[in-house]
């Protein structure tokens, strides 16, 4: 009986430690997801032809629960805003046949992402009254280790990107 009680206390202690660890992990995940990063995007292959841009702001968000005690990977979603050099924005628009986003039939998109889906913390980095262009060709261009959806404001040299692990 005493041995059973000791085992139960030990298990309860492990559960308490696991709960505390999970809680700490959740708090860290929320802090990481709220952080707006300004370091260059890596790997650059995810966003080809952006050139030597002057500014980037991006965030990462877990699509699953990385704090789960169940084994397995967690997929991530990334969103960001890049200020391109004018010549790189123009080159991208011409090479990948960007068209006004307002002319795109949402049913033809391979993703449900749209500029309206941008995270609130990134909105201050978007141009005022953006004139978004879209290119399914660019979204599907190789190489990419992630699903890609981008929107380009050519007039303001701004690229809004949304990437998902696959």
N, C-alpha and C. Protein backbone atom coordinates (compact mmCIF):
# COMPACT_ATOMS: atom_id res chain seq x y z
N UNK A 1 0.81 -1.19 0.00
CA UNK A 1 0.00 0.00 0.00
C UNK A 1 0.86 1.26 0.00
N UNK A 2 1.89 1.27 0.86
CA UNK A 2 2.80 2.40 0.93
C UNK A 2 3.54 2.55 -0.39
N UNK A 3 3.94 1.44 -0.99
CA UNK A 3 4.64 1.48 -2.27
C UNK A 3 3.74 2.07 -3.35
N UNK A 4 2.47 1.71 -3.35
CA UNK A 4 1.51 2.23 -4.31
C UNK A 4 1.35 3.74 -4.14
N UNK A 5 1.28 4.19 -2.90
CA UNK A 5 1.15 5.62 -2.62
C UNK A 5 2.37 6.38 -3.11
N UNK A 6 3.56 5.81 -2.90
CA UNK A 6 4.80 6.47 -3.35
C UNK A 6 4.82 6.56 -4.87
N UNK A 7 4.42 5.48 -5.55
CA UNK A 7 4.38 5.49 -7.01
C UNK A 7 3.39 6.53 -7.50
N UNK A 8 2.22 6.60 -6.88
CA UNK A 8 1.21 7.59 -7.29
C UNK A 8 1.71 9.02 -7.09
N UNK A 9 2.39 9.27 -5.98
CA UNK A 9 2.96 10.59 -5.73
C UNK A 9 4.04 10.93 -6.78
N UNK A 10 4.84 9.96 -7.13
CA UNK A 10 5.89 10.17 -8.13
C UNK A 10 5.27 10.49 -9.48
N UNK A 11 4.23 9.74 -9.86
CA UNK A 11 3.54 9.98 -11.13
C UNK A 11 2.89 11.36 -11.11
N UNK A 12 2.25 11.72 -10.01
CA UNK A 12 1.63 13.04 -9.90
C UNK A 12 2.67 14.13 -10.02
N UNK A 13 3.83 13.92 -9.43
CA UNK A 13 4.92 14.90 -9.54
C UNK A 13 5.38 15.05 -10.98
N UNK A 14 5.46 13.93 -11.70
CA UNK A 14 5.85 13.98 -13.11
C UNK A 14 4.81 14.73 -13.92
N UNK A 15 3.52 14.48 -13.62
CA UNK A 15 2.46 15.18 -14.33
C UNK A 15 2.52 16.67 -14.07
N UNK A 16 2.81 17.07 -12.83
CA UNK A 16 2.92 18.48 -12.50
C UNK A 16 4.08 19.11 -13.25
N UNK A 17 5.21 18.42 -13.29
CA UNK A 17 6.37 18.93 -14.02
C UNK A 17 6.06 19.03 -15.51
N UNK A 18 5.35 18.05 -16.05
CA UNK A 18 5.00 18.07 -17.47
C UNK A 18 4.06 19.24 -17.77
N UNK A 19 3.09 19.47 -16.87
CA UNK A 19 2.15 20.58 -17.05
C UNK A 19 2.91 21.91 -17.00
N UNK A 20 3.82 22.05 -16.04
CA UNK A 20 4.61 23.28 -15.94
C UNK A 20 5.47 23.47 -17.19
N UNK A 21 6.07 22.39 -17.69
CA UNK A 21 6.88 22.47 -18.91
C UNK A 21 6.05 22.85 -20.11
N UNK A 22 4.85 22.28 -20.21
CA UNK A 22 3.95 22.59 -21.31
C UNK A 22 3.51 24.05 -21.23
N UNK A 23 3.20 24.50 -20.04
CA UNK A 23 2.78 25.89 -19.85
C UNK A 23 3.91 26.85 -20.26
N UNK A 24 5.13 26.55 -19.85
CA UNK A 24 6.28 27.39 -20.22
C UNK A 24 6.49 27.37 -21.72
N UNK A 25 6.33 26.20 -22.33
CA UNK A 25 6.47 26.08 -23.78
C UNK A 25 5.41 26.92 -24.48
N UNK A 26 4.17 26.87 -24.02
CA UNK A 26 3.07 27.65 -24.62
C UNK A 26 3.35 29.14 -24.52
N UNK A 27 3.84 29.58 -23.37
CA UNK A 27 4.15 31.00 -23.19
C UNK A 27 5.27 31.42 -24.14
N UNK A 28 6.29 30.57 -24.29
CA UNK A 28 7.39 30.87 -25.20
C UNK A 28 6.91 30.89 -26.64
N UNK A 29 6.04 29.94 -27.00
CA UNK A 29 5.49 29.89 -28.37
C UNK A 29 4.73 31.17 -28.67
N UNK A 30 3.88 31.62 -27.75
CA UNK A 30 3.11 32.85 -27.97
C UNK A 30 4.03 34.05 -28.13
N UNK A 31 5.06 34.12 -27.32
CA UNK A 31 6.02 35.23 -27.42
C UNK A 31 6.74 35.19 -28.77
N UNK A 32 7.15 33.99 -29.19
CA UNK A 32 7.84 33.84 -30.47
C UNK A 32 6.93 34.22 -31.64
N UNK A 33 5.66 33.83 -31.57
CA UNK A 33 4.72 34.13 -32.64
C UNK A 33 4.40 35.62 -32.71
N UNK A 34 4.43 36.31 -31.58
CA UNK A 34 4.13 37.74 -31.56
C UNK A 34 5.30 38.59 -32.04
N UNK A 35 6.48 38.03 -32.03
CA UNK A 35 7.68 38.78 -32.40
C UNK A 35 7.71 39.07 -33.90
N UNK A 36 7.95 40.32 -34.24
CA UNK A 36 8.15 40.71 -35.64
C UNK A 36 9.65 40.69 -35.88
N UNK A 37 10.06 39.81 -36.76
CA UNK A 37 11.50 39.63 -37.04
C UNK A 37 11.93 40.54 -38.19
N UNK A 38 13.19 40.95 -38.15
CA UNK A 38 13.72 41.82 -39.20
C UNK A 38 14.98 41.23 -39.85
N UNK A 39 15.34 40.01 -39.46
CA UNK A 39 16.50 39.38 -40.08
C UNK A 39 16.13 38.88 -41.47
N UNK A 40 17.11 38.80 -42.34
CA UNK A 40 16.89 38.40 -43.73
C UNK A 40 16.23 37.03 -43.78
N UNK A 41 15.40 36.85 -44.81
CA UNK A 41 14.69 35.58 -44.93
C UNK A 41 15.65 34.48 -45.36
N UNK A 42 15.60 33.37 -44.63
CA UNK A 42 16.38 32.18 -44.96
C UNK A 42 15.45 30.98 -45.02
N UNK A 43 15.54 30.12 -45.98
CA UNK A 43 16.48 30.15 -47.10
C UNK A 43 15.95 31.06 -48.21
N UNK A 44 16.85 31.75 -48.91
CA UNK A 44 16.42 32.69 -49.95
C UNK A 44 15.69 31.99 -51.10
N UNK A 45 15.88 30.68 -51.25
CA UNK A 45 15.20 29.95 -52.32
C UNK A 45 13.68 29.99 -52.17
N UNK A 46 13.19 30.22 -50.96
CA UNK A 46 11.74 30.30 -50.76
C UNK A 46 11.14 31.51 -51.47
N UNK A 47 11.94 32.55 -51.66
CA UNK A 47 11.47 33.79 -52.29
C UNK A 47 12.46 34.20 -53.39
N UNK A 48 12.46 33.47 -54.51
CA UNK A 48 13.44 33.77 -55.56
C UNK A 48 13.20 35.13 -56.21
N UNK A 49 14.28 35.71 -56.69
CA UNK A 49 14.27 36.94 -57.47
C UNK A 49 13.87 38.19 -56.68
N UNK A 50 13.93 38.14 -55.34
CA UNK A 50 13.62 39.35 -54.58
C UNK A 50 14.81 40.31 -54.56
N UNK A 51 15.98 39.82 -54.92
CA UNK A 51 17.15 40.68 -55.00
C UNK A 51 17.68 41.06 -53.62
N UNK A 52 18.43 42.15 -53.61
CA UNK A 52 19.06 42.63 -52.38
C UNK A 52 18.13 43.67 -51.75
N UNK A 53 17.08 43.21 -51.13
CA UNK A 53 16.06 44.10 -50.59
C UNK A 53 16.58 44.90 -49.40
N UNK A 54 15.91 46.01 -49.15
CA UNK A 54 16.38 46.93 -48.10
C UNK A 54 15.74 46.67 -46.75
N UNK A 55 14.60 46.03 -46.73
CA UNK A 55 13.87 45.90 -45.46
C UNK A 55 12.96 44.67 -45.50
N UNK A 56 12.86 43.98 -44.37
CA UNK A 56 11.93 42.86 -44.24
C UNK A 56 11.40 42.81 -42.81
N UNK A 57 10.12 42.48 -42.69
CA UNK A 57 9.47 42.24 -41.39
C UNK A 57 8.65 40.97 -41.57
N UNK A 58 8.84 40.00 -40.67
CA UNK A 58 8.12 38.75 -40.82
C UNK A 58 7.81 38.11 -39.48
N UNK A 59 6.83 37.19 -39.51
CA UNK A 59 6.42 36.45 -38.33
C UNK A 59 6.22 34.98 -38.69
N UNK A 60 6.36 34.14 -37.67
CA UNK A 60 6.13 32.70 -37.82
C UNK A 60 5.01 32.30 -36.86
N UNK A 61 4.18 31.34 -37.30
CA UNK A 61 3.09 30.85 -36.44
C UNK A 61 2.99 29.34 -36.62
N UNK A 62 2.92 28.64 -35.51
CA UNK A 62 2.76 27.18 -35.56
C UNK A 62 1.35 26.84 -36.01
N UNK A 63 1.25 25.91 -36.95
CA UNK A 63 -0.07 25.45 -37.41
C UNK A 63 -0.59 24.32 -36.54
N UNK A 64 0.30 23.70 -35.80
CA UNK A 64 -0.09 22.65 -34.87
C UNK A 64 0.31 23.08 -33.47
N UNK A 65 0.53 22.12 -32.61
CA UNK A 65 0.92 22.42 -31.24
C UNK A 65 2.33 21.89 -31.00
N UNK A 66 3.34 22.75 -31.11
CA UNK A 66 4.71 22.28 -30.90
C UNK A 66 4.99 21.93 -29.44
N UNK A 67 4.07 22.25 -28.56
CA UNK A 67 4.25 21.97 -27.13
C UNK A 67 3.57 20.67 -26.71
N UNK A 68 2.96 20.01 -27.66
CA UNK A 68 2.30 18.74 -27.37
C UNK A 68 3.32 17.71 -26.92
N UNK A 69 2.89 16.83 -26.05
CA UNK A 69 3.77 15.76 -25.59
C UNK A 69 3.78 14.61 -26.58
N UNK A 70 2.98 14.73 -27.64
CA UNK A 70 2.94 13.71 -28.68
C UNK A 70 4.09 13.97 -29.65
N UNK A 71 4.79 12.93 -30.07
CA UNK A 71 5.91 13.13 -31.00
C UNK A 71 5.42 13.52 -32.39
N UNK A 72 6.29 14.17 -33.10
CA UNK A 72 5.97 14.51 -34.49
C UNK A 72 6.26 15.97 -34.78
N UNK A 73 6.48 16.28 -36.04
CA UNK A 73 6.82 17.65 -36.42
C UNK A 73 5.60 18.56 -36.39
N UNK A 74 5.85 19.82 -36.30
CA UNK A 74 4.80 20.84 -36.38
C UNK A 74 5.07 21.67 -37.62
N UNK A 75 4.04 21.86 -38.43
CA UNK A 75 4.17 22.72 -39.60
C UNK A 75 4.05 24.18 -39.16
N UNK A 76 4.66 25.05 -39.95
CA UNK A 76 4.69 26.47 -39.62
C UNK A 76 4.19 27.29 -40.79
N UNK A 77 3.60 28.43 -40.47
CA UNK A 77 3.18 29.41 -41.46
C UNK A 77 4.02 30.67 -41.22
N UNK A 78 4.46 31.28 -42.31
CA UNK A 78 5.27 32.49 -42.24
C UNK A 78 4.61 33.57 -43.07
N UNK A 79 4.60 34.78 -42.55
CA UNK A 79 4.11 35.92 -43.30
C UNK A 79 5.14 37.04 -43.16
N UNK A 80 5.28 37.81 -44.23
CA UNK A 80 6.23 38.91 -44.15
C UNK A 80 6.00 39.96 -45.21
N UNK A 81 6.66 41.08 -45.00
CA UNK A 81 6.60 42.21 -45.91
C UNK A 81 8.03 42.60 -46.25
N UNK A 82 8.34 42.65 -47.54
CA UNK A 82 9.67 43.00 -48.00
C UNK A 82 9.60 44.27 -48.84
N UNK A 83 10.49 45.21 -48.56
CA UNK A 83 10.63 46.39 -49.40
C UNK A 83 11.75 46.09 -50.40
N UNK A 84 11.37 45.98 -51.65
CA UNK A 84 12.30 45.62 -52.72
C UNK A 84 12.95 46.86 -53.34
N UNK A 85 14.06 46.65 -54.03
CA UNK A 85 14.61 47.71 -54.86
C UNK A 85 13.66 47.87 -56.05
N UNK A 86 13.45 49.09 -56.53
CA UNK A 86 12.51 49.30 -57.65
C UNK A 86 12.79 48.40 -58.85
N UNK A 87 14.08 48.24 -59.21
CA UNK A 87 14.41 47.42 -60.38
C UNK A 87 14.09 45.95 -60.16
N UNK A 88 14.21 45.47 -58.92
CA UNK A 88 13.87 44.06 -58.64
C UNK A 88 12.36 43.85 -58.67
N UNK A 89 11.60 44.81 -58.16
CA UNK A 89 10.14 44.72 -58.21
C UNK A 89 9.66 44.69 -59.67
N UNK A 90 10.23 45.57 -60.48
CA UNK A 90 9.85 45.62 -61.90
C UNK A 90 10.22 44.32 -62.61
N UNK A 91 11.41 43.82 -62.34
CA UNK A 91 11.86 42.57 -62.98
C UNK A 91 10.94 41.40 -62.60
N UNK A 92 10.57 41.32 -61.34
CA UNK A 92 9.66 40.25 -60.90
C UNK A 92 8.32 40.36 -61.61
N UNK A 93 7.76 41.57 -61.63
CA UNK A 93 6.44 41.78 -62.23
C UNK A 93 6.43 41.37 -63.70
N UNK A 94 7.50 41.70 -64.42
CA UNK A 94 7.58 41.36 -65.84
C UNK A 94 7.84 39.88 -66.06
N UNK A 95 8.78 39.33 -65.32
CA UNK A 95 9.17 37.93 -65.52
C UNK A 95 8.03 36.96 -65.20
N UNK A 96 7.26 37.26 -64.15
CA UNK A 96 6.23 36.32 -63.70
C UNK A 96 4.81 36.78 -64.02
N UNK A 97 4.67 37.75 -64.88
CA UNK A 97 3.36 38.18 -65.37
C UNK A 97 2.37 38.44 -64.23
N UNK A 98 2.76 39.28 -63.31
CA UNK A 98 1.85 39.66 -62.24
C UNK A 98 0.67 40.43 -62.83
N UNK A 99 -0.52 40.15 -62.33
CA UNK A 99 -1.75 40.82 -62.77
C UNK A 99 -2.44 41.41 -61.55
N UNK A 100 -3.32 42.39 -61.75
CA UNK A 100 -4.03 42.96 -60.59
C UNK A 100 -4.78 41.87 -59.82
N UNK A 101 -4.61 41.88 -58.52
CA UNK A 101 -5.26 40.87 -57.70
C UNK A 101 -6.77 40.96 -57.80
N UNK A 102 -7.29 42.16 -57.99
CA UNK A 102 -8.74 42.33 -58.11
C UNK A 102 -9.31 41.60 -59.32
N UNK A 103 -8.46 41.29 -60.31
CA UNK A 103 -8.93 40.60 -61.51
C UNK A 103 -8.86 39.08 -61.39
N UNK A 104 -8.30 38.58 -60.28
CA UNK A 104 -8.12 37.14 -60.11
C UNK A 104 -9.40 36.53 -59.54
N UNK A 105 -9.82 35.44 -60.15
CA UNK A 105 -10.97 34.69 -59.65
C UNK A 105 -10.50 33.85 -58.47
N UNK A 106 -11.02 34.10 -57.26
CA UNK A 106 -10.56 33.35 -56.09
C UNK A 106 -10.68 31.83 -56.25
N UNK A 107 -11.61 31.36 -57.06
CA UNK A 107 -11.77 29.92 -57.29
C UNK A 107 -10.57 29.34 -58.04
N UNK A 108 -9.83 30.18 -58.76
CA UNK A 108 -8.68 29.70 -59.52
C UNK A 108 -7.41 29.63 -58.68
N UNK A 109 -7.44 30.20 -57.50
CA UNK A 109 -6.25 30.20 -56.66
C UNK A 109 -6.04 28.83 -56.03
N UNK A 110 -4.79 28.43 -55.91
CA UNK A 110 -4.48 27.15 -55.27
C UNK A 110 -4.42 27.30 -53.75
N UNK A 111 -4.53 28.52 -53.29
CA UNK A 111 -4.48 28.79 -51.85
C UNK A 111 -5.59 29.76 -51.50
N UNK A 112 -6.05 29.71 -50.28
CA UNK A 112 -7.09 30.64 -49.85
C UNK A 112 -6.51 31.92 -49.29
N UNK A 113 -5.18 32.08 -49.34
CA UNK A 113 -4.54 33.28 -48.79
C UNK A 113 -4.84 34.49 -49.67
N UNK A 114 -5.07 35.62 -49.00
CA UNK A 114 -5.29 36.89 -49.67
C UNK A 114 -4.65 37.98 -48.83
N UNK A 115 -4.42 39.16 -49.40
CA UNK A 115 -3.82 40.24 -48.61
C UNK A 115 -4.60 40.56 -47.33
N UNK A 116 -5.88 40.33 -47.34
CA UNK A 116 -6.68 40.59 -46.14
C UNK A 116 -6.32 39.65 -44.99
N UNK A 117 -5.61 38.57 -45.29
CA UNK A 117 -5.24 37.58 -44.26
C UNK A 117 -3.94 37.92 -43.54
N UNK A 118 -3.36 39.07 -43.85
CA UNK A 118 -2.09 39.44 -43.22
C UNK A 118 -2.30 39.64 -41.71
N UNK A 119 -1.31 39.26 -40.96
CA UNK A 119 -1.38 39.38 -39.51
C UNK A 119 -1.38 40.84 -39.07
N UNK A 120 -2.13 41.15 -38.03
CA UNK A 120 -2.25 42.55 -37.57
C UNK A 120 -0.90 43.21 -37.27
N UNK A 121 0.05 42.47 -36.73
CA UNK A 121 1.35 43.05 -36.39
C UNK A 121 2.16 43.44 -37.62
N UNK A 122 1.78 42.93 -38.80
CA UNK A 122 2.51 43.27 -40.03
C UNK A 122 1.84 44.39 -40.81
N UNK A 123 0.60 44.70 -40.49
CA UNK A 123 -0.15 45.73 -41.21
C UNK A 123 0.59 47.08 -41.25
N UNK A 124 1.23 47.51 -40.15
CA UNK A 124 1.93 48.81 -40.22
C UNK A 124 3.05 48.87 -41.26
N UNK A 125 3.51 47.72 -41.74
CA UNK A 125 4.60 47.69 -42.71
C UNK A 125 4.10 47.62 -44.16
N UNK A 126 2.78 47.53 -44.32
CA UNK A 126 2.19 47.51 -45.66
C UNK A 126 2.05 48.93 -46.17
N UNK A 127 2.08 49.09 -47.49
CA UNK A 127 1.88 50.44 -48.04
C UNK A 127 0.43 50.89 -47.84
N UNK A 128 0.23 52.20 -47.72
CA UNK A 128 -1.15 52.69 -47.62
C UNK A 128 -1.86 52.46 -48.95
N UNK A 129 -3.08 52.01 -48.89
CA UNK A 129 -3.88 51.74 -50.09
C UNK A 129 -3.08 50.98 -51.16
N UNK A 130 -2.64 49.77 -50.81
CA UNK A 130 -1.81 48.99 -51.75
C UNK A 130 -2.58 48.62 -53.01
N UNK A 131 -1.84 48.51 -54.09
CA UNK A 131 -2.38 48.06 -55.37
C UNK A 131 -1.75 46.70 -55.65
N UNK A 132 -2.32 45.67 -55.06
CA UNK A 132 -1.71 44.34 -55.11
C UNK A 132 -1.81 43.71 -56.49
N UNK A 133 -0.70 43.11 -56.88
CA UNK A 133 -0.62 42.28 -58.07
C UNK A 133 -0.39 40.85 -57.59
N UNK A 134 -0.78 39.88 -58.42
CA UNK A 134 -0.66 38.48 -58.05
C UNK A 134 -0.12 37.69 -59.24
N UNK A 135 0.64 36.64 -58.95
CA UNK A 135 1.16 35.77 -60.00
C UNK A 135 1.16 34.33 -59.53
N UNK A 136 0.29 33.54 -60.12
CA UNK A 136 0.27 32.12 -59.81
C UNK A 136 1.56 31.47 -60.30
N UNK A 137 2.12 31.99 -61.38
CA UNK A 137 3.38 31.47 -61.92
C UNK A 137 4.50 31.62 -60.90
N UNK A 138 4.58 32.78 -60.26
CA UNK A 138 5.62 32.98 -59.23
C UNK A 138 5.36 32.05 -58.05
N UNK A 139 4.11 31.96 -57.63
CA UNK A 139 3.79 31.10 -56.48
C UNK A 139 4.23 29.67 -56.69
N UNK A 140 4.16 29.22 -57.93
CA UNK A 140 4.50 27.83 -58.24
C UNK A 140 5.92 27.65 -58.76
N UNK A 141 6.68 28.73 -58.85
CA UNK A 141 8.05 28.65 -59.37
C UNK A 141 8.95 27.85 -58.44
N UNK A 142 9.88 27.16 -59.06
CA UNK A 142 10.87 26.40 -58.29
C UNK A 142 12.06 27.32 -58.05
N UNK A 143 12.86 27.08 -57.09
CA UNK A 143 12.68 26.05 -56.07
C UNK A 143 11.92 26.64 -54.88
N UNK A 144 11.27 25.78 -54.14
CA UNK A 144 10.65 26.20 -52.89
C UNK A 144 10.44 24.99 -52.02
N UNK A 145 10.77 25.13 -50.78
CA UNK A 145 10.53 24.06 -49.83
C UNK A 145 9.20 24.28 -49.12
N UNK A 146 8.52 25.37 -49.46
CA UNK A 146 7.25 25.71 -48.81
C UNK A 146 6.23 26.14 -49.87
N UNK A 147 4.94 26.03 -49.51
CA UNK A 147 3.91 26.60 -50.37
C UNK A 147 4.04 28.10 -50.30
N UNK A 148 3.92 28.75 -51.43
CA UNK A 148 4.19 30.19 -51.51
C UNK A 148 3.00 30.92 -52.11
N UNK A 149 2.64 32.05 -51.49
CA UNK A 149 1.67 32.98 -52.04
C UNK A 149 2.26 34.37 -51.81
N UNK A 150 2.37 35.15 -52.89
CA UNK A 150 2.90 36.50 -52.74
C UNK A 150 1.99 37.50 -53.45
N UNK A 151 2.08 38.74 -52.97
CA UNK A 151 1.37 39.86 -53.56
C UNK A 151 2.38 40.98 -53.70
N UNK A 152 2.36 41.65 -54.83
CA UNK A 152 3.35 42.68 -55.14
C UNK A 152 2.65 44.00 -55.39
N UNK A 153 3.09 45.04 -54.69
CA UNK A 153 2.67 46.41 -54.99
C UNK A 153 3.84 47.03 -55.74
N UNK A 154 3.73 47.07 -57.05
CA UNK A 154 4.82 47.51 -57.91
C UNK A 154 5.15 48.99 -57.69
N UNK A 155 4.13 49.79 -57.51
CA UNK A 155 4.34 51.24 -57.33
C UNK A 155 5.18 51.53 -56.08
N UNK A 156 4.97 50.74 -55.02
CA UNK A 156 5.68 50.98 -53.76
C UNK A 156 6.77 49.93 -53.49
N UNK A 157 7.02 49.06 -54.46
CA UNK A 157 8.10 48.06 -54.39
C UNK A 157 7.97 47.17 -53.15
N UNK A 158 6.76 46.76 -52.85
CA UNK A 158 6.51 45.99 -51.63
C UNK A 158 5.98 44.61 -51.99
N UNK A 159 6.56 43.61 -51.36
CA UNK A 159 6.14 42.23 -51.56
C UNK A 159 5.59 41.69 -50.24
N UNK A 160 4.36 41.23 -50.27
CA UNK A 160 3.73 40.56 -49.13
C UNK A 160 3.83 39.07 -49.39
N UNK A 161 4.46 38.32 -48.47
CA UNK A 161 4.58 36.89 -48.70
C UNK A 161 3.91 36.09 -47.59
N UNK A 162 3.42 34.91 -47.99
CA UNK A 162 2.81 33.95 -47.08
C UNK A 162 3.34 32.59 -47.49
N UNK A 163 4.01 31.93 -46.57
CA UNK A 163 4.61 30.62 -46.82
C UNK A 163 4.09 29.62 -45.81
N UNK A 164 3.89 28.40 -46.26
CA UNK A 164 3.50 27.31 -45.36
C UNK A 164 4.39 26.11 -45.61
N UNK A 165 4.78 25.47 -44.51
CA UNK A 165 5.50 24.20 -44.64
C UNK A 165 4.61 23.19 -45.34
N UNK A 166 5.24 22.26 -46.06
CA UNK A 166 4.47 21.14 -46.63
C UNK A 166 5.24 19.87 -46.49
